[in-house]
């Protein structure tokens, strides 16, 4: 099984940006690379959410994403934290990992003192 090595250097950096979809492909070679990376049907797009005319005319309103703590935190991680505190039903490999992490944290604190 031969893996092809990609030599990414400053001279071909722009070409790879075009081939990977970060910029529009400029020629057949870049387009073929792009199509190989992203075959038809591999990306699910909500076409109703895209207004090409507003993009072309420059009237598209940019939507800012705001990430707040209440959005990120769900009940599942809290349950896992409680399970870890009580050690209820945790497999032995997870318990060993917790103990290693606690030991490493204590060692790091002692090294900094």
N, C-alpha and C. Protein backbone atom coordinates (compact mmCIF):
# COMPACT_ATOMS: atom_id res chain seq x y z
N UNK A 1 0.85 -1.15 0.00
CA UNK A 1 0.00 0.00 0.00
C UNK A 1 0.90 1.22 0.00
N UNK A 2 0.90 1.97 -1.07
CA UNK A 2 1.78 3.11 -1.18
C UNK A 2 1.08 4.40 -0.80
N UNK A 3 1.67 5.10 0.13
CA UNK A 3 1.17 6.42 0.48
C UNK A 3 1.96 7.46 -0.28
N UNK A 4 1.26 8.36 -0.89
CA UNK A 4 1.92 9.43 -1.63
C UNK A 4 2.29 10.54 -0.67
N UNK A 5 3.55 10.93 -0.68
CA UNK A 5 4.03 11.99 0.19
C UNK A 5 3.76 13.34 -0.47
N UNK A 6 3.15 14.23 0.27
CA UNK A 6 2.84 15.57 -0.24
C UNK A 6 3.90 16.52 0.28
N UNK A 7 4.58 17.16 -0.64
CA UNK A 7 5.62 18.11 -0.27
C UNK A 7 5.01 19.51 -0.27
N UNK A 8 4.66 19.97 0.92
CA UNK A 8 4.03 21.28 1.05
C UNK A 8 5.11 22.31 1.38
N UNK A 9 5.36 23.17 0.42
CA UNK A 9 6.37 24.22 0.58
C UNK A 9 5.73 25.56 0.23
N UNK A 10 6.45 26.62 0.47
CA UNK A 10 5.91 27.96 0.24
C UNK A 10 5.47 28.15 -1.22
N UNK A 11 6.19 27.53 -2.15
CA UNK A 11 5.88 27.71 -3.57
C UNK A 11 4.53 27.10 -3.96
N UNK A 12 4.10 26.02 -3.29
CA UNK A 12 2.83 25.40 -3.67
C UNK A 12 1.75 25.54 -2.60
N UNK A 13 1.99 26.39 -1.63
CA UNK A 13 1.03 26.57 -0.54
C UNK A 13 -0.31 27.11 -1.06
N UNK A 14 -0.29 28.12 -1.90
CA UNK A 14 -1.51 28.70 -2.45
C UNK A 14 -2.27 27.66 -3.27
N UNK A 15 -1.54 26.83 -4.00
CA UNK A 15 -2.15 25.77 -4.80
C UNK A 15 -2.92 24.79 -3.91
N UNK A 16 -2.35 24.44 -2.75
CA UNK A 16 -3.02 23.52 -1.84
C UNK A 16 -4.19 24.17 -1.13
N UNK A 17 -4.12 25.47 -0.88
CA UNK A 17 -5.28 26.16 -0.33
C UNK A 17 -6.46 26.07 -1.29
N UNK A 18 -6.16 26.19 -2.59
CA UNK A 18 -7.21 26.08 -3.61
C UNK A 18 -7.69 24.63 -3.75
N UNK A 19 -6.80 23.68 -3.58
CA UNK A 19 -7.15 22.27 -3.74
C UNK A 19 -7.97 21.75 -2.57
N UNK A 20 -7.80 22.32 -1.39
CA UNK A 20 -8.50 21.83 -0.20
C UNK A 20 -9.79 22.58 0.09
N UNK A 21 -10.12 23.58 -0.72
CA UNK A 21 -11.39 24.27 -0.57
C UNK A 21 -11.33 25.52 0.27
N UNK A 22 -10.17 25.88 0.77
CA UNK A 22 -10.07 27.13 1.52
C UNK A 22 -10.14 28.33 0.58
N UNK A 23 -9.74 28.13 -0.66
CA UNK A 23 -9.91 29.10 -1.74
C UNK A 23 -10.53 28.35 -2.91
N UNK A 24 -11.08 29.08 -3.87
CA UNK A 24 -11.68 28.43 -5.03
C UNK A 24 -10.61 27.80 -5.93
N UNK A 25 -10.85 26.57 -6.42
CA UNK A 25 -9.90 25.96 -7.36
C UNK A 25 -9.78 26.81 -8.62
N UNK A 26 -8.52 26.94 -9.11
CA UNK A 26 -8.26 27.80 -10.27
C UNK A 26 -8.08 27.02 -11.55
N UNK A 27 -7.80 25.72 -11.46
CA UNK A 27 -7.56 24.92 -12.66
C UNK A 27 -8.05 23.49 -12.44
N UNK A 28 -7.91 22.66 -13.47
CA UNK A 28 -8.40 21.28 -13.42
C UNK A 28 -7.70 20.45 -12.34
N UNK A 29 -6.42 20.65 -12.18
CA UNK A 29 -5.65 19.88 -11.19
C UNK A 29 -6.17 20.14 -9.76
N UNK A 30 -6.36 21.41 -9.44
CA UNK A 30 -6.87 21.76 -8.12
C UNK A 30 -8.31 21.27 -7.94
N UNK A 31 -9.11 21.35 -9.00
CA UNK A 31 -10.49 20.88 -8.94
C UNK A 31 -10.55 19.37 -8.73
N UNK A 32 -9.68 18.61 -9.40
CA UNK A 32 -9.65 17.15 -9.23
C UNK A 32 -9.25 16.78 -7.80
N UNK A 33 -8.27 17.49 -7.26
CA UNK A 33 -7.87 17.24 -5.87
C UNK A 33 -9.03 17.51 -4.92
N UNK A 34 -9.71 18.64 -5.13
CA UNK A 34 -10.84 18.99 -4.29
C UNK A 34 -11.93 17.92 -4.37
N UNK A 35 -12.26 17.47 -5.57
CA UNK A 35 -13.30 16.46 -5.73
C UNK A 35 -12.90 15.12 -5.13
N UNK A 36 -11.61 14.83 -5.10
CA UNK A 36 -11.13 13.60 -4.48
C UNK A 36 -11.26 13.70 -2.95
N UNK A 37 -10.98 14.88 -2.40
CA UNK A 37 -11.10 15.08 -0.95
C UNK A 37 -12.55 15.13 -0.50
N UNK A 38 -13.40 15.74 -1.32
CA UNK A 38 -14.81 15.93 -0.97
C UNK A 38 -15.71 15.40 -2.08
N UNK A 39 -15.91 14.08 -2.14
CA UNK A 39 -16.76 13.52 -3.19
C UNK A 39 -18.19 14.03 -3.09
N UNK A 40 -18.90 14.01 -4.20
CA UNK A 40 -20.28 14.49 -4.25
C UNK A 40 -21.12 13.72 -3.25
N UNK A 41 -21.87 14.42 -2.44
CA UNK A 41 -22.74 13.80 -1.45
C UNK A 41 -22.09 13.61 -0.09
N UNK A 42 -20.78 13.90 0.03
CA UNK A 42 -20.11 13.70 1.32
C UNK A 42 -20.35 14.86 2.28
N UNK A 43 -20.79 16.00 1.75
CA UNK A 43 -21.07 17.16 2.59
C UNK A 43 -22.55 17.47 2.52
N UNK A 44 -23.18 17.54 3.68
CA UNK A 44 -24.61 17.83 3.76
C UNK A 44 -24.78 19.34 3.95
N UNK A 45 -25.45 19.97 2.98
CA UNK A 45 -25.63 21.42 3.02
C UNK A 45 -27.13 21.73 3.05
N UNK A 46 -27.50 22.65 3.91
CA UNK A 46 -28.86 23.15 3.95
C UNK A 46 -28.97 24.25 2.90
N UNK A 47 -29.39 23.89 1.71
CA UNK A 47 -29.44 24.84 0.60
C UNK A 47 -30.42 25.97 0.83
N UNK A 48 -31.43 25.75 1.65
CA UNK A 48 -32.41 26.80 1.93
C UNK A 48 -31.83 27.92 2.78
N UNK A 49 -30.75 27.63 3.49
CA UNK A 49 -30.15 28.64 4.37
C UNK A 49 -29.15 29.53 3.62
N UNK A 50 -28.90 29.23 2.35
CA UNK A 50 -27.91 30.00 1.58
C UNK A 50 -28.63 30.90 0.59
N UNK A 51 -28.28 32.17 0.60
CA UNK A 51 -28.84 33.14 -0.34
C UNK A 51 -27.70 33.64 -1.23
N UNK A 52 -27.50 33.01 -2.39
CA UNK A 52 -26.37 33.40 -3.24
C UNK A 52 -26.43 34.85 -3.70
N UNK A 53 -27.62 35.37 -3.92
CA UNK A 53 -27.74 36.75 -4.38
C UNK A 53 -27.23 37.73 -3.34
N UNK A 54 -27.51 37.49 -2.07
CA UNK A 54 -27.01 38.39 -1.03
C UNK A 54 -25.49 38.31 -0.91
N UNK A 55 -24.93 37.14 -1.20
CA UNK A 55 -23.47 37.02 -1.18
C UNK A 55 -22.87 37.82 -2.33
N UNK A 56 -23.45 37.68 -3.52
CA UNK A 56 -22.94 38.38 -4.71
C UNK A 56 -23.09 39.89 -4.56
N UNK A 57 -24.24 40.34 -4.06
CA UNK A 57 -24.50 41.77 -3.92
C UNK A 57 -23.82 42.39 -2.70
N UNK A 58 -23.32 41.55 -1.82
CA UNK A 58 -22.65 42.05 -0.63
C UNK A 58 -23.61 42.51 0.45
N UNK A 59 -24.86 42.05 0.39
CA UNK A 59 -25.85 42.45 1.37
C UNK A 59 -26.07 41.38 2.44
N UNK A 60 -25.30 40.34 2.38
CA UNK A 60 -25.43 39.24 3.34
C UNK A 60 -25.12 39.75 4.74
N UNK A 61 -26.00 39.43 5.68
CA UNK A 61 -25.81 39.84 7.06
C UNK A 61 -25.03 38.75 7.79
N UNK A 62 -23.92 39.15 8.36
CA UNK A 62 -23.06 38.20 9.06
C UNK A 62 -23.70 37.82 10.39
N UNK A 63 -23.76 36.53 10.65
CA UNK A 63 -24.32 36.07 11.91
C UNK A 63 -23.17 35.77 12.86
N UNK A 64 -23.20 36.40 14.00
CA UNK A 64 -22.19 36.17 15.02
C UNK A 64 -22.61 34.99 15.90
N UNK A 65 -21.69 34.11 16.15
CA UNK A 65 -21.96 33.00 17.05
C UNK A 65 -21.50 33.39 18.44
N UNK A 66 -22.36 33.18 19.39
CA UNK A 66 -21.97 33.44 20.76
C UNK A 66 -21.99 32.13 21.52
N UNK A 67 -20.90 31.86 22.17
CA UNK A 67 -20.79 30.63 22.93
C UNK A 67 -20.71 31.02 24.39
N UNK A 68 -21.69 30.57 25.14
CA UNK A 68 -21.67 30.86 26.56
C UNK A 68 -21.63 29.56 27.34
N UNK A 69 -21.34 29.64 28.59
CA UNK A 69 -21.13 28.46 29.42
C UNK A 69 -22.40 27.60 29.49
N UNK A 70 -23.57 28.21 29.57
CA UNK A 70 -24.80 27.43 29.69
C UNK A 70 -25.07 26.63 28.43
N UNK A 71 -24.58 27.11 27.29
CA UNK A 71 -24.78 26.38 26.04
C UNK A 71 -23.89 25.15 26.00
N UNK A 72 -22.67 25.26 26.49
CA UNK A 72 -21.70 24.17 26.41
C UNK A 72 -21.99 23.08 27.43
N UNK A 73 -22.33 23.46 28.62
CA UNK A 73 -22.51 22.50 29.70
C UNK A 73 -23.88 21.85 29.58
N UNK A 74 -23.90 20.54 29.63
CA UNK A 74 -25.16 19.81 29.64
C UNK A 74 -25.20 18.93 30.87
N UNK A 75 -26.27 18.21 31.05
CA UNK A 75 -26.41 17.39 32.25
C UNK A 75 -25.48 16.18 32.21
N UNK A 76 -25.14 15.71 31.02
CA UNK A 76 -24.31 14.51 30.93
C UNK A 76 -22.93 14.68 31.55
N UNK A 77 -22.18 15.76 31.25
CA UNK A 77 -20.88 15.91 31.90
C UNK A 77 -21.00 16.01 33.42
N UNK A 78 -22.05 16.64 33.92
CA UNK A 78 -22.24 16.76 35.37
C UNK A 78 -22.41 15.37 35.99
N UNK A 79 -23.17 14.51 35.32
CA UNK A 79 -23.36 13.16 35.81
C UNK A 79 -22.03 12.40 35.83
N UNK A 80 -21.21 12.61 34.81
CA UNK A 80 -19.91 11.94 34.77
C UNK A 80 -19.01 12.43 35.89
N UNK A 81 -19.08 13.74 36.19
CA UNK A 81 -18.28 14.28 37.29
C UNK A 81 -18.70 13.66 38.61
N UNK A 82 -20.01 13.51 38.80
CA UNK A 82 -20.50 12.91 40.04
C UNK A 82 -20.08 11.45 40.13
N UNK A 83 -20.12 10.74 39.02
CA UNK A 83 -19.70 9.34 39.02
C UNK A 83 -18.22 9.24 39.36
N UNK A 84 -17.43 10.17 38.84
CA UNK A 84 -16.00 10.15 39.12
C UNK A 84 -15.73 10.47 40.59
N UNK A 85 -16.53 11.36 41.18
CA UNK A 85 -16.32 11.70 42.59
C UNK A 85 -16.67 10.53 43.50
N UNK A 86 -17.72 9.83 43.16
CA UNK A 86 -18.17 8.73 44.01
C UNK A 86 -17.54 7.39 43.61
N UNK A 87 -16.91 7.35 42.44
CA UNK A 87 -16.31 6.14 41.88
C UNK A 87 -17.36 5.04 41.69
N UNK A 88 -18.60 5.43 41.46
CA UNK A 88 -19.68 4.45 41.27
C UNK A 88 -19.67 3.93 39.84
N UNK A 89 -19.52 2.67 39.70
CA UNK A 89 -19.65 2.03 38.40
C UNK A 89 -18.58 2.38 37.38
N UNK A 90 -17.46 2.90 37.82
CA UNK A 90 -16.39 3.23 36.88
C UNK A 90 -15.51 2.00 36.67
N UNK A 91 -15.14 1.70 35.42
CA UNK A 91 -14.24 0.58 35.16
C UNK A 91 -12.87 0.82 35.79
N UNK A 92 -12.16 -0.25 36.05
CA UNK A 92 -10.86 -0.14 36.73
C UNK A 92 -9.85 0.66 35.92
N UNK A 93 -9.90 0.57 34.59
CA UNK A 93 -8.94 1.34 33.79
C UNK A 93 -9.18 2.84 33.93
N UNK A 94 -10.44 3.24 34.06
CA UNK A 94 -10.75 4.66 34.26
C UNK A 94 -10.29 5.10 35.64
N UNK A 95 -10.53 4.27 36.65
CA UNK A 95 -10.06 4.59 38.00
C UNK A 95 -8.54 4.74 38.03
N UNK A 96 -7.83 3.84 37.35
CA UNK A 96 -6.36 3.92 37.29
C UNK A 96 -5.91 5.21 36.62
N UNK A 97 -6.63 5.60 35.57
CA UNK A 97 -6.28 6.83 34.86
C UNK A 97 -6.52 8.05 35.76
N UNK A 98 -7.61 8.05 36.51
CA UNK A 98 -7.89 9.16 37.43
C UNK A 98 -6.78 9.27 38.46
N UNK A 99 -6.37 8.12 39.01
CA UNK A 99 -5.31 8.12 40.02
C UNK A 99 -3.99 8.63 39.43
N UNK A 100 -3.68 8.21 38.19
CA UNK A 100 -2.44 8.69 37.53
C UNK A 100 -2.50 10.20 37.32
N UNK A 101 -3.66 10.70 36.87
CA UNK A 101 -3.81 12.14 36.64
C UNK A 101 -3.66 12.92 37.94
N UNK A 102 -4.25 12.41 39.02
CA UNK A 102 -4.13 13.09 40.30
C UNK A 102 -2.69 13.09 40.78
N UNK A 103 -2.00 11.97 40.59
CA UNK A 103 -0.59 11.88 41.00
C UNK A 103 0.26 12.84 40.18
N UNK A 104 0.00 12.90 38.86
CA UNK A 104 0.77 13.81 38.00
C UNK A 104 0.51 15.26 38.37
N UNK A 105 -0.74 15.59 38.71
CA UNK A 105 -1.06 16.96 39.11
C UNK A 105 -0.35 17.33 40.40
N UNK A 106 -0.31 16.41 41.36
CA UNK A 106 0.39 16.68 42.61
C UNK A 106 1.88 16.84 42.37
N UNK A 107 2.45 16.01 41.48
CA UNK A 107 3.87 16.11 41.16
C UNK A 107 4.18 17.45 40.50
N UNK A 108 3.29 17.91 39.60
CA UNK A 108 3.50 19.20 38.93
C UNK A 108 3.47 20.34 39.93
N UNK A 109 2.56 20.27 40.89
CA UNK A 109 2.44 21.33 41.91
C UNK A 109 3.70 21.34 42.78
N UNK A 110 4.18 20.17 43.16
CA UNK A 110 5.38 20.08 43.99
C UNK A 110 6.62 20.57 43.25
N UNK A 111 6.69 20.30 41.93
CA UNK A 111 7.84 20.77 41.13
C UNK A 111 7.87 22.28 41.03
N UNK A 112 6.70 22.92 41.00
CA UNK A 112 6.63 24.37 40.86
C UNK A 112 6.94 25.08 42.17
N UNK A 113 6.80 24.38 43.30
CA UNK A 113 7.03 25.00 44.62
C UNK A 113 8.49 25.22 44.89
